[in-house]
Amino acid sequence: MNRALVLILASAVSLSCGESALPTLIPRAVLFDNPARISPRISPDGTLLAYLAPSEGVQNVWVRSIGGNDDRVVTSESARAIFDYDWRPDSKHILYRLARGGDGIDH
């Protein structure tokens, strides 16, 4: 291919891909902010949904009825975030784990 043809093709491509053709950027917060709710789990009896979400700035366990809007926080950690939890087989109790002192080890 000769040099003139390469320049013409390069010019045509750059003209067709102008600024208006670029897609809009995904906001940084969408990619890197913490989600509002994480780790949803349905109770063994299928009536409740638990999830992790902030309560007064600290991640705690919340519960709501399936299909309802009766969300309520069921833990009261105020210093350290809860990072894992699980339903007990009776669907009435939840066990959870948290890290102490920033050491990354669960206690």
PDB file of N, CA and C in Angstrom:
ATOM      1  N   MET A   1       0.852  -1.160   0.000  1.00  0.00           N
ATOM      2  CA  MET A   1       0.000   0.000   0.000  1.00  0.00           C
ATOM      3  C   MET A   1       0.902   1.227   0.000  1.00  0.00           C
ATOM      4  N   ASN A   2       0.555   2.184  -0.832  1.00  0.00           N
ATOM      5  CA  ASN A   2       1.447   3.344  -0.873  1.00  0.00           C
ATOM      6  C   ASN A   2       1.124   4.324   0.253  1.00  0.00           C
ATOM      7  N   ARG A   3       2.063   5.181   0.508  1.00  0.00           N
ATOM      8  CA  ARG A   3       1.995   6.125   1.628  1.00  0.00           C
ATOM      9  C   ARG A   3       0.796   7.059   1.518  1.00  0.00           C
ATOM     10  N   ALA A   4       0.456   7.532   0.339  1.00  0.00           N
ATOM     11  CA  ALA A   4      -0.661   8.465   0.151  1.00  0.00           C
ATOM     12  C   ALA A   4      -1.984   7.799   0.525  1.00  0.00           C
ATOM     13  N   LEU A   5      -2.153   6.547   0.136  1.00  0.00           N
ATOM     14  CA  LEU A   5      -3.386   5.837   0.448  1.00  0.00           C
ATOM     15  C   LEU A   5      -3.515   5.605   1.952  1.00  0.00           C
ATOM     16  N   VAL A   6      -2.423   5.287   2.635  1.00  0.00           N
ATOM     17  CA  VAL A   6      -2.434   5.100   4.081  1.00  0.00           C
ATOM     18  C   VAL A   6      -2.833   6.404   4.768  1.00  0.00           C
ATOM     19  N   LEU A   7      -2.313   7.531   4.335  1.00  0.00           N
ATOM     20  CA  LEU A   7      -2.663   8.819   4.928  1.00  0.00           C
ATOM     21  C   LEU A   7      -4.132   9.153   4.710  1.00  0.00           C
ATOM     22  N   ILE A   8      -4.656   8.855   3.525  1.00  0.00           N
ATOM     23  CA  ILE A   8      -6.062   9.122   3.238  1.00  0.00           C
ATOM     24  C   ILE A   8      -6.953   8.265   4.137  1.00  0.00           C
ATOM     25  N   LEU A   9      -6.629   6.973   4.278  1.00  0.00           N
ATOM     26  CA  LEU A   9      -7.414   6.094   5.143  1.00  0.00           C
ATOM     27  C   LEU A   9      -7.339   6.525   6.608  1.00  0.00           C
ATOM     28  N   ALA A  10      -6.163   6.916   7.059  1.00  0.00           N
ATOM     29  CA  ALA A  10      -6.000   7.369   8.434  1.00  0.00           C
ATOM     30  C   ALA A  10      -6.805   8.632   8.681  1.00  0.00           C
ATOM     31  N   SER A  11      -6.835   9.532   7.737  1.00  0.00           N
ATOM     32  CA  SER A  11      -7.610  10.763   7.866  1.00  0.00           C
ATOM     33  C   SER A  11      -9.101  10.458   7.907  1.00  0.00           C
ATOM     34  N   ALA A  12      -9.560   9.538   7.061  1.00  0.00           N
ATOM     35  CA  ALA A  12     -10.971   9.181   7.031  1.00  0.00           C
ATOM     36  C   ALA A  12     -11.397   8.553   8.361  1.00  0.00           C
ATOM     37  N   VAL A  13     -10.548   7.699   8.915  1.00  0.00           N
ATOM     38  CA  VAL A  13     -10.867   7.064  10.191  1.00  0.00           C
ATOM     39  C   VAL A  13     -10.911   8.101  11.299  1.00  0.00           C
ATOM     40  N   SER A  14      -9.957   9.014  11.338  1.00  0.00           N
ATOM     41  CA  SER A  14      -9.943  10.012  12.403  1.00  0.00           C
ATOM     42  C   SER A  14     -11.128  10.971  12.285  1.00  0.00           C
ATOM     43  N   LEU A  15     -11.579  11.272  11.071  1.00  0.00           N
ATOM     44  CA  LEU A  15     -12.745  12.133  10.891  1.00  0.00           C
ATOM     45  C   LEU A  15     -14.026  11.420  11.315  1.00  0.00           C
ATOM     46  N   SER A  16     -14.131  10.130  11.033  1.00  0.00           N
ATOM     47  CA  SER A  16     -15.341   9.394  11.382  1.00  0.00           C
ATOM     48  C   SER A  16     -15.415   9.066  12.871  1.00  0.00           C
ATOM     49  N   CYS A  17     -14.309   9.166  13.586  1.00  0.00           N
ATOM     50  CA  CYS A  17     -14.276   8.878  15.024  1.00  0.00           C
ATOM     51  C   CYS A  17     -14.069  10.150  15.812  1.00  0.00           C
ATOM     52  N   GLY A  18     -14.785  11.186  15.497  1.00  0.00           N
ATOM     53  CA  GLY A  18     -14.643  12.465  16.181  1.00  0.00           C
ATOM     54  C   GLY A  18     -15.078  12.371  17.630  1.00  0.00           C
ATOM     55  N   GLU A  19     -14.940  13.465  18.363  1.00  0.00           N
ATOM     56  CA  GLU A  19     -15.268  13.520  19.782  1.00  0.00           C
ATOM     57  C   GLU A  19     -16.707  13.088  20.059  1.00  0.00           C
ATOM     58  N   SER A  20     -17.647  13.457  19.197  1.00  0.00           N
ATOM     59  CA  SER A  20     -19.041  13.126  19.453  1.00  0.00           C
ATOM     60  C   SER A  20     -19.315  11.620  19.328  1.00  0.00           C
ATOM     61  N   ALA A  21     -18.432  10.880  18.698  1.00  0.00           N
ATOM     62  CA  ALA A  21     -18.632   9.450  18.520  1.00  0.00           C
ATOM     63  C   ALA A  21     -18.167   8.647  19.734  1.00  0.00           C
ATOM     64  N   LEU A  22     -17.456   9.277  20.653  1.00  0.00           N
ATOM     65  CA  LEU A  22     -16.959   8.552  21.817  1.00  0.00           C
ATOM     66  C   LEU A  22     -18.100   8.271  22.783  1.00  0.00           C
ATOM     67  N   PRO A  23     -18.124   7.092  23.386  1.00  0.00           N
ATOM     68  CA  PRO A  23     -19.185   6.790  24.357  1.00  0.00           C
ATOM     69  C   PRO A  23     -18.973   7.602  25.635  1.00  0.00           C
ATOM     70  N   THR A  24     -20.048   7.816  26.381  1.00  0.00           N
ATOM     71  CA  THR A  24     -19.903   8.518  27.653  1.00  0.00           C
ATOM     72  C   THR A  24     -19.200   7.601  28.644  1.00  0.00           C
ATOM     73  N   LEU A  25     -18.414   8.188  29.515  1.00  0.00           N
ATOM     74  CA  LEU A  25     -17.676   7.415  30.504  1.00  0.00           C
ATOM     75  C   LEU A  25     -18.594   6.962  31.626  1.00  0.00           C
ATOM     76  N   ILE A  26     -18.321   5.797  32.164  1.00  0.00           N
ATOM     77  CA  ILE A  26     -19.047   5.310  33.333  1.00  0.00           C
ATOM     78  C   ILE A  26     -18.500   6.064  34.536  1.00  0.00           C
ATOM     79  N   PRO A  27     -19.372   6.656  35.336  1.00  0.00           N
ATOM     80  CA  PRO A  27     -18.877   7.391  36.507  1.00  0.00           C
ATOM     81  C   PRO A  27     -18.043   6.501  37.424  1.00  0.00           C
ATOM     82  N   ARG A  28     -16.989   7.053  37.947  1.00  0.00           N
ATOM     83  CA  ARG A  28     -16.071   6.323  38.822  1.00  0.00           C
ATOM     84  C   ARG A  28     -16.811   5.700  40.011  1.00  0.00           C
ATOM     85  N   ALA A  29     -17.781   6.425  40.556  1.00  0.00           N
ATOM     86  CA  ALA A  29     -18.530   5.926  41.717  1.00  0.00           C
ATOM     87  C   ALA A  29     -19.279   4.637  41.400  1.00  0.00           C
ATOM     88  N   VAL A  30     -19.767   4.495  40.182  1.00  0.00           N
ATOM     89  CA  VAL A  30     -20.484   3.275  39.794  1.00  0.00           C
ATOM     90  C   VAL A  30     -19.556   2.073  39.851  1.00  0.00           C
ATOM     91  N   LEU A  31     -18.308   2.278  39.471  1.00  0.00           N
ATOM     92  CA  LEU A  31     -17.351   1.167  39.433  1.00  0.00           C
ATOM     93  C   LEU A  31     -16.676   0.889  40.771  1.00  0.00           C
ATOM     94  N   PHE A  32     -16.419   1.941  41.559  1.00  0.00           N
ATOM     95  CA  PHE A  32     -15.552   1.753  42.719  1.00  0.00           C
ATOM     96  C   PHE A  32     -16.159   2.076  44.076  1.00  0.00           C
ATOM     97  N   ASP A  33     -17.330   2.697  44.143  1.00  0.00           N
ATOM     98  CA  ASP A  33     -17.952   2.958  45.439  1.00  0.00           C
ATOM     99  C   ASP A  33     -18.505   1.661  46.024  1.00  0.00           C
ATOM    100  N   ASN A  34     -18.669   1.657  47.322  1.00  0.00           N
ATOM    101  CA  ASN A  34     -19.280   0.499  47.971  1.00  0.00           C
ATOM    102  C   ASN A  34     -20.755   0.427  47.584  1.00  0.00           C
ATOM    103  N   PRO A  35     -21.269  -0.760  47.324  1.00  0.00           N
ATOM    104  CA  PRO A  35     -22.698  -0.879  47.022  1.00  0.00           C
ATOM    105  C   PRO A  35     -23.521  -0.586  48.273  1.00  0.00           C
ATOM    106  N   ALA A  36     -24.768  -0.190  48.076  1.00  0.00           N
ATOM    107  CA  ALA A  36     -25.642   0.125  49.212  1.00  0.00           C
ATOM    108  C   ALA A  36     -25.966  -1.125  50.026  1.00  0.00           C
ATOM    109  N   ARG A  37     -26.129  -2.261  49.356  1.00  0.00           N
ATOM    110  CA  ARG A  37     -26.456  -3.527  50.017  1.00  0.00           C
ATOM    111  C   ARG A  37     -25.647  -4.638  49.377  1.00  0.00           C
ATOM    112  N   ILE A  38     -25.148  -5.562  50.208  1.00  0.00           N
ATOM    113  CA  ILE A  38     -24.376  -6.690  49.673  1.00  0.00           C
ATOM    114  C   ILE A  38     -24.758  -7.981  50.385  1.00  0.00           C
ATOM    115  N   SER A  39     -24.349  -9.083  49.828  1.00  0.00           N
ATOM    116  CA  SER A  39     -24.480 -10.428  50.399  1.00  0.00           C
ATOM    117  C   SER A  39     -25.907 -10.810  50.808  1.00  0.00           C
ATOM    118  N   PRO A  40     -26.861 -10.700  49.903  1.00  0.00           N
ATOM    119  CA  PRO A  40     -28.224 -11.096  50.264  1.00  0.00           C
ATOM    120  C   PRO A  40     -28.331 -12.606  50.468  1.00  0.00           C
ATOM    121  N   ARG A  41     -29.104 -12.993  51.489  1.00  0.00           N
ATOM    122  CA  ARG A  41     -29.324 -14.413  51.767  1.00  0.00           C
ATOM    123  C   ARG A  41     -30.752 -14.619  52.250  1.00  0.00           C
ATOM    124  N   ILE A  42     -31.417 -15.588  51.685  1.00  0.00           N
ATOM    125  CA  ILE A  42     -32.782 -15.919  52.080  1.00  0.00           C
ATOM    126  C   ILE A  42     -32.739 -16.886  53.257  1.00  0.00           C
ATOM    127  N   SER A  43     -33.615 -16.668  54.207  1.00  0.00           N
ATOM    128  CA  SER A  43     -33.672 -17.533  55.392  1.00  0.00           C
ATOM    129  C   SER A  43     -34.058 -18.961  54.986  1.00  0.00           C
ATOM    130  N   PRO A  44     -33.674 -19.957  55.791  1.00  0.00           N
ATOM    131  CA  PRO A  44     -33.992 -21.345  55.450  1.00  0.00           C
ATOM    132  C   PRO A  44     -35.486 -21.604  55.235  1.00  0.00           C
ATOM    133  N   ASP A  45     -36.365 -20.877  55.948  1.00  0.00           N
ATOM    134  CA  ASP A  45     -37.798 -21.100  55.751  1.00  0.00           C
ATOM    135  C   ASP A  45     -38.377 -20.283  54.587  1.00  0.00           C
ATOM    136  N   GLY A  46     -37.524 -19.473  53.945  1.00  0.00           N
ATOM    137  CA  GLY A  46     -37.938 -18.733  52.755  1.00  0.00           C
ATOM    138  C   GLY A  46     -38.799 -17.508  52.995  1.00  0.00           C
ATOM    139  N   THR A  47     -38.888 -17.032  54.225  1.00  0.00           N
ATOM    140  CA  THR A  47     -39.762 -15.893  54.523  1.00  0.00           C
ATOM    141  C   THR A  47     -39.031 -14.571  54.685  1.00  0.00           C
ATOM    142  N   LEU A  48     -37.714 -14.625  54.921  1.00  0.00           N
ATOM    143  CA  LEU A  48     -36.950 -13.412  55.200  1.00  0.00           C
ATOM    144  C   LEU A  48     -35.735 -13.297  54.282  1.00  0.00           C
ATOM    145  N   LEU A  49     -35.321 -12.073  54.059  1.00  0.00           N
ATOM    146  CA  LEU A  49     -34.109 -11.777  53.294  1.00  0.00           C
ATOM    147  C   LEU A  49     -33.187 -10.968  54.184  1.00  0.00           C
ATOM    148  N   ALA A  50     -31.949 -11.419  54.348  1.00  0.00           N
ATOM    149  CA  ALA A  50     -30.948 -10.678  55.117  1.00  0.00           C
ATOM    150  C   ALA A  50     -29.906 -10.150  54.144  1.00  0.00           C
ATOM    151  N   TYR A  51     -29.265  -9.047  54.505  1.00  0.00           N
ATOM    152  CA  TYR A  51     -28.207  -8.465  53.683  1.00  0.00           C
ATOM    153  C   TYR A  51     -27.333  -7.576  54.555  1.00  0.00           C
ATOM    154  N   LEU A  52     -26.161  -7.219  54.047  1.00  0.00           N
ATOM    155  CA  LEU A  52     -25.262  -6.308  54.744  1.00  0.00           C
ATOM    156  C   LEU A  52     -25.437  -4.912  54.165  1.00  0.00           C
ATOM    157  N   ALA A  53     -25.548  -3.912  55.048  1.00  0.00           N
ATOM    158  CA  ALA A  53     -25.677  -2.514  54.651  1.00  0.00           C
ATOM    159  C   ALA A  53     -25.249  -1.643  55.827  1.00  0.00           C
ATOM    160  N   PRO A  54     -24.869  -0.396  55.548  1.00  0.00           N
ATOM    161  CA  PRO A  54     -24.457   0.479  56.650  1.00  0.00           C
ATOM    162  C   PRO A  54     -25.613   0.849  57.577  1.00  0.00           C
ATOM    163  N   SER A  55     -25.290   0.929  58.848  1.00  0.00           N
ATOM    164  CA  SER A  55     -26.180   1.485  59.858  1.00  0.00           C
ATOM    165  C   SER A  55     -25.328   2.439  60.673  1.00  0.00           C
ATOM    166  N   GLU A  56     -25.648   3.714  60.591  1.00  0.00           N
ATOM    167  CA  GLU A  56     -24.860   4.766  61.237  1.00  0.00           C
ATOM    168  C   GLU A  56     -23.394   4.671  60.827  1.00  0.00           C
ATOM    169  N   GLY A  57     -23.161   4.391  59.553  1.00  0.00           N
ATOM    170  CA  GLY A  57     -21.814   4.403  58.992  1.00  0.00           C
ATOM    171  C   GLY A  57     -21.024   3.118  59.129  1.00  0.00           C
ATOM    172  N   VAL A  58     -21.572   2.093  59.765  1.00  0.00           N
ATOM    173  CA  VAL A  58     -20.869   0.819  59.960  1.00  0.00           C
ATOM    174  C   VAL A  58     -21.720  -0.303  59.366  1.00  0.00           C
ATOM    175  N   GLN A  59     -21.075  -1.185  58.622  1.00  0.00           N
ATOM    176  CA  GLN A  59     -21.800  -2.284  57.967  1.00  0.00           C
ATOM    177  C   GLN A  59     -22.361  -3.272  58.989  1.00  0.00           C
ATOM    178  N   ASN A  60     -23.687  -3.454  58.941  1.00  0.00           N
ATOM    179  CA  ASN A  60     -24.404  -4.342  59.847  1.00  0.00           C
ATOM    180  C   ASN A  60     -25.324  -5.248  59.045  1.00  0.00           C
ATOM    181  N   VAL A  61     -25.957  -6.192  59.733  1.00  0.00           N
ATOM    182  CA  VAL A  61     -26.908  -7.101  59.099  1.00  0.00           C
ATOM    183  C   VAL A  61     -28.315  -6.501  59.195  1.00  0.00           C
ATOM    184  N   TRP A  62     -29.014  -6.503  58.081  1.00  0.00           N
ATOM    185  CA  TRP A  62     -30.394  -6.048  57.992  1.00  0.00           C
ATOM    186  C   TRP A  62     -31.260  -7.222  57.556  1.00  0.00           C
ATOM    187  N   VAL A  63     -32.537  -7.184  57.920  1.00  0.00           N
ATOM    188  CA  VAL A  63     -33.490  -8.230  57.548  1.00  0.00           C
ATOM    189  C   VAL A  63     -34.774  -7.566  57.075  1.00  0.00           C
ATOM    190  N   ARG A  64     -35.415  -8.195  56.103  1.00  0.00           N
ATOM    191  CA  ARG A  64     -36.732  -7.745  55.645  1.00  0.00           C
ATOM    192  C   ARG A  64     -37.542  -8.965  55.249  1.00  0.00           C
ATOM    193  N   SER A  65     -38.862  -8.816  55.260  1.00  0.00           N
ATOM    194  CA  SER A  65     -39.749  -9.880  54.793  1.00  0.00           C
ATOM    195  C   SER A  65     -39.638  -9.975  53.277  1.00  0.00           C
ATOM    196  N   ILE A  66     -39.704 -11.181  52.749  1.00  0.00           N
ATOM    197  CA  ILE A  66     -39.686 -11.352  51.305  1.00  0.00           C
ATOM    198  C   ILE A  66     -40.892 -10.612  50.723  1.00  0.00           C
ATOM    199  N   GLY A  67     -40.645  -9.723  49.787  1.00  0.00           N
ATOM    200  CA  GLY A  67     -41.700  -8.947  49.151  1.00  0.00           C
ATOM    201  C   GLY A  67     -42.174  -7.755  49.965  1.00  0.00           C
ATOM    202  N   GLY A  68     -41.581  -7.515  51.119  1.00  0.00           N
ATOM    203  CA  GLY A  68     -42.015  -6.413  51.979  1.00  0.00           C
ATOM    204  C   GLY A  68     -41.048  -5.240  51.961  1.00  0.00           C
ATOM    205  N   ASN A  69     -41.435  -4.186  52.640  1.00  0.00           N
ATOM    206  CA  ASN A  69     -40.588  -2.995  52.807  1.00  0.00           C
ATOM    207  C   ASN A  69     -40.359  -2.737  54.289  1.00  0.00           C
ATOM    208  N   ASP A  70     -40.195  -3.778  55.065  1.00  0.00           N
ATOM    209  CA  ASP A  70     -40.042  -3.653  56.510  1.00  0.00           C
ATOM    210  C   ASP A  70     -38.590  -3.846  56.951  1.00  0.00           C
ATOM    211  N   ASP A  71     -37.646  -3.271  56.192  1.00  0.00           N
ATOM    212  CA  ASP A  71     -36.221  -3.416  56.485  1.00  0.00           C
ATOM    213  C   ASP A  71     -35.914  -2.943  57.910  1.00  0.00           C
ATOM    214  N   ARG A  72     -35.102  -3.749  58.598  1.00  0.00           N
ATOM    215  CA  ARG A  72     -34.697  -3.384  59.956  1.00  0.00           C
ATOM    216  C   ARG A  72     -33.303  -3.946  60.219  1.00  0.00           C
ATOM    217  N   VAL A  73     -32.507  -3.174  60.934  1.00  0.00           N
ATOM    218  CA  VAL A  73     -31.164  -3.620  61.284  1.00  0.00           C
ATOM    219  C   VAL A  73     -31.280  -4.553  62.485  1.00  0.00           C
ATOM    220  N   VAL A  74     -30.581  -5.689  62.439  1.00  0.00           N
ATOM    221  CA  VAL A  74     -30.686  -6.687  63.514  1.00  0.00           C
ATOM    222  C   VAL A  74     -29.382  -6.874  64.279  1.00  0.00           C
ATOM    223  N   THR A  75     -28.351  -6.136  63.899  1.00  0.00           N
ATOM    224  CA  THR A  75     -27.099  -6.144  64.657  1.00  0.00           C
ATOM    225  C   THR A  75     -26.793  -4.697  65.037  1.00  0.00           C
ATOM    226  N   SER A  76     -25.877  -4.518  65.974  1.00  0.00           N
ATOM    227  CA  SER A  76     -25.598  -3.159  66.435  1.00  0.00           C
ATOM    228  C   SER A  76     -24.098  -2.894  66.576  1.00  0.00           C
ATOM    229  N   GLU A  77     -23.337  -3.364  65.627  1.00  0.00           N
ATOM    230  CA  GLU A  77     -21.906  -3.082  65.651  1.00  0.00           C
ATOM    231  C   GLU A  77     -21.694  -1.607  65.335  1.00  0.00           C
ATOM    232  N   SER A  78     -20.909  -0.928  66.141  1.00  0.00           N
ATOM    233  CA  SER A  78     -20.689   0.501  65.920  1.00  0.00           C
ATOM    234  C   SER A  78     -19.227   0.843  65.632  1.00  0.00           C
ATOM    235  N   ALA A  79     -18.324  -0.094  65.872  1.00  0.00           N
ATOM    236  CA  ALA A  79     -16.903   0.185  65.669  1.00  0.00           C
ATOM    237  C   ALA A  79     -16.306  -0.563  64.475  1.00  0.00           C
ATOM    238  N   ARG A  80     -16.739  -1.812  64.251  1.00  0.00           N
ATOM    239  CA  ARG A  80     -16.149  -2.638  63.197  1.00  0.00           C
ATOM    240  C   ARG A  80     -17.243  -3.191  62.301  1.00  0.00           C
ATOM    241  N   ALA A  81     -16.962  -3.200  61.030  1.00  0.00           N
ATOM    242  CA  ALA A  81     -17.937  -3.691  60.050  1.00  0.00           C
ATOM    243  C   ALA A  81     -18.067  -5.209  60.098  1.00  0.00           C
ATOM    244  N   ILE A  82     -19.285  -5.668  59.921  1.00  0.00           N
ATOM    245  CA  ILE A  82     -19.549  -7.097  59.769  1.00  0.00           C
ATOM    246  C   ILE A  82     -19.237  -7.440  58.316  1.00  0.00           C
ATOM    247  N   PHE A  83     -18.470  -8.500  58.095  1.00  0.00           N
ATOM    248  CA  PHE A  83     -18.125  -8.848  56.719  1.00  0.00           C
ATOM    249  C   PHE A  83     -18.680 -10.197  56.284  1.00  0.00           C
ATOM    250  N   ASP A  84     -19.243 -10.970  57.210  1.00  0.00           N
ATOM    251  CA  ASP A  84     -19.824 -12.254  56.834  1.00  0.00           C
ATOM    252  C   ASP A  84     -20.874 -12.634  57.865  1.00  0.00           C
ATOM    253  N   TYR A  85     -21.908 -13.335  57.423  1.00  0.00           N
ATOM    254  CA  TYR A  85     -22.968 -13.783  58.317  1.00  0.00           C
ATOM    255  C   TYR A  85     -23.639 -14.992  57.685  1.00  0.00           C
ATOM    256  N   ASP A  86     -24.446 -15.680  58.481  1.00  0.00           N
ATOM    257  CA  ASP A  86     -25.216 -16.800  57.948  1.00  0.00           C
ATOM    258  C   ASP A  86     -26.429 -17.045  58.828  1.00  0.00           C
ATOM    259  N   TRP A  87     -27.496 -17.516  58.206  1.00  0.00           N
ATOM    260  CA  TRP A  87     -28.710 -17.885  58.915  1.00  0.00           C
ATOM    261  C   TRP A  87     -28.481 -19.180  59.681  1.00  0.00           C
ATOM    262  N   ARG A  88     -29.086 -19.309  60.834  1.00  0.00           N
ATOM    263  CA  ARG A  88     -29.165 -20.577  61.546  1.00  0.00           C
ATOM    264  C   ARG A  88     -30.357 -21.346  60.958  1.00  0.00           C
ATOM    265  N   PRO A  89     -30.403 -22.657  61.088  1.00  0.00           N
ATOM    266  CA  PRO A  89     -31.481 -23.440  60.488  1.00  0.00           C
ATOM    267  C   PRO A  89     -32.891 -23.074  60.962  1.00  0.00           C
ATOM    268  N   ASP A  90     -33.016 -22.438  62.140  1.00  0.00           N
ATOM    269  CA  ASP A  90     -34.350 -22.093  62.651  1.00  0.00           C
ATOM    270  C   ASP A  90     -34.943 -20.837  62.007  1.00  0.00           C
ATOM    271  N   SER A  91     -34.190 -20.143  61.161  1.00  0.00           N
ATOM    272  CA  SER A  91     -34.608 -18.903  60.485  1.00  0.00           C
ATOM    273  C   SER A  91     -34.920 -17.773  61.466  1.00  0.00           C
ATOM    274  N   LYS A  92     -34.494 -17.901  62.707  1.00  0.00           N
ATOM    275  CA  LYS A  92     -34.725 -16.863  63.711  1.00  0.00           C
ATOM    276  C   LYS A  92     -33.436 -16.220  64.192  1.00  0.00           C
ATOM    277  N   HIS A  93     -32.318 -16.890  63.960  1.00  0.00           N
ATOM    278  CA  HIS A  93     -31.033 -16.402  64.454  1.00  0.00           C
ATOM    279  C   HIS A  93     -30.035 -16.274  63.304  1.00  0.00           C
ATOM    280  N   ILE A  94     -29.125 -15.319  63.482  1.00  0.00           N
ATOM    281  CA  ILE A  94     -28.057 -15.077  62.505  1.00  0.00           C
ATOM    282  C   ILE A  94     -26.738 -15.021  63.260  1.00  0.00           C
ATOM    283  N   LEU A  95     -25.742 -15.712  62.756  1.00  0.00           N
ATOM    284  CA  LEU A  95     -24.379 -15.619  63.280  1.00  0.00           C
ATOM    285  C   LEU A  95     -23.577 -14.744  62.333  1.00  0.00           C
ATOM    286  N   TYR A  96     -22.658 -13.927  62.889  1.00  0.00           N
ATOM    287  CA  TYR A  96     -21.849 -13.073  62.015  1.00  0.00           C
ATOM    288  C   TYR A  96     -20.410 -13.013  62.486  1.00  0.00           C
ATOM    289  N   ARG A  97     -19.540 -12.605  61.551  1.00  0.00           N
ATOM    290  CA  ARG A  97     -18.108 -12.458  61.827  1.00  0.00           C
ATOM    291  C   ARG A  97     -17.691 -11.037  61.499  1.00  0.00           C
ATOM    292  N   LEU A  98     -16.689 -10.538  62.228  1.00  0.00           N
ATOM    293  CA  LEU A  98     -16.130  -9.227  61.947  1.00  0.00           C
ATOM    294  C   LEU A  98     -14.642  -9.246  62.224  1.00  0.00           C
ATOM    295  N   ALA A  99     -13.949  -8.277  61.686  1.00  0.00           N
ATOM    296  CA  ALA A  99     -12.502  -8.174  61.894  1.00  0.00           C
ATOM    297  C   ALA A  99     -12.246  -7.196  63.041  1.00  0.00           C
ATOM    298  N   ARG A 100     -11.250  -7.475  63.846  1.00  0.00           N
ATOM    299  CA  ARG A 100     -10.900  -6.593  64.963  1.00  0.00           C
ATOM    300  C   ARG A 100      -9.584  -5.905  64.701  1.00  0.00           C
ATOM    301  N   GLY A 101      -9.535  -4.634  65.013  1.00  0.00           N
ATOM    302  CA  GLY A 101      -8.282  -3.892  64.981  1.00  0.00           C
ATOM    303  C   GLY A 101      -7.633  -3.767  63.627  1.00  0.00           C
ATOM    304  N   GLY A 102      -8.361  -4.026  62.565  1.00  0.00           N
ATOM    305  CA  GLY A 102      -7.798  -3.858  61.224  1.00  0.00           C
ATOM    306  C   GLY A 102      -6.768  -4.904  60.849  1.00  0.00           C
ATOM    307  N   ASP A 103      -6.700  -6.025  61.583  1.00  0.00           N
ATOM    308  CA  ASP A 103      -5.701  -7.039  61.269  1.00  0.00           C
ATOM    309  C   ASP A 103      -6.136  -7.976  60.158  1.00  0.00           C
ATOM    310  N   GLY A 104      -7.411  -7.853  59.712  1.00  0.00           N
ATOM    311  CA  GLY A 104      -7.886  -8.673  58.609  1.00  0.00           C
ATOM    312  C   GLY A 104      -8.197 -10.098  58.993  1.00  0.00           C
ATOM    313  N   ILE A 105      -8.104 -10.422  60.261  1.00  0.00           N
ATOM    314  CA  ILE A 105      -8.386 -11.780  60.728  1.00  0.00           C
ATOM    315  C   ILE A 105      -9.732 -11.745  61.430  1.00  0.00           C
ATOM    316  N   ASP A 106     -10.577 -12.689  61.112  1.00  0.00           N
ATOM    317  CA  ASP A 106     -11.887 -12.700  61.766  1.00  0.00           C
ATOM    318  C   ASP A 106     -11.768 -13.254  63.183  1.00  0.00           C
ATOM    319  N   HIS A 107     -12.625 -12.731  64.048  1.00  0.00           N
ATOM    320  CA  HIS A 107     -12.610 -13.106  65.475  1.00  0.00           C
ATOM    321  C   HIS A 107     -13.999 -13.496  65.899  1.00  0.00           C
TER     322      HIS A 107
END
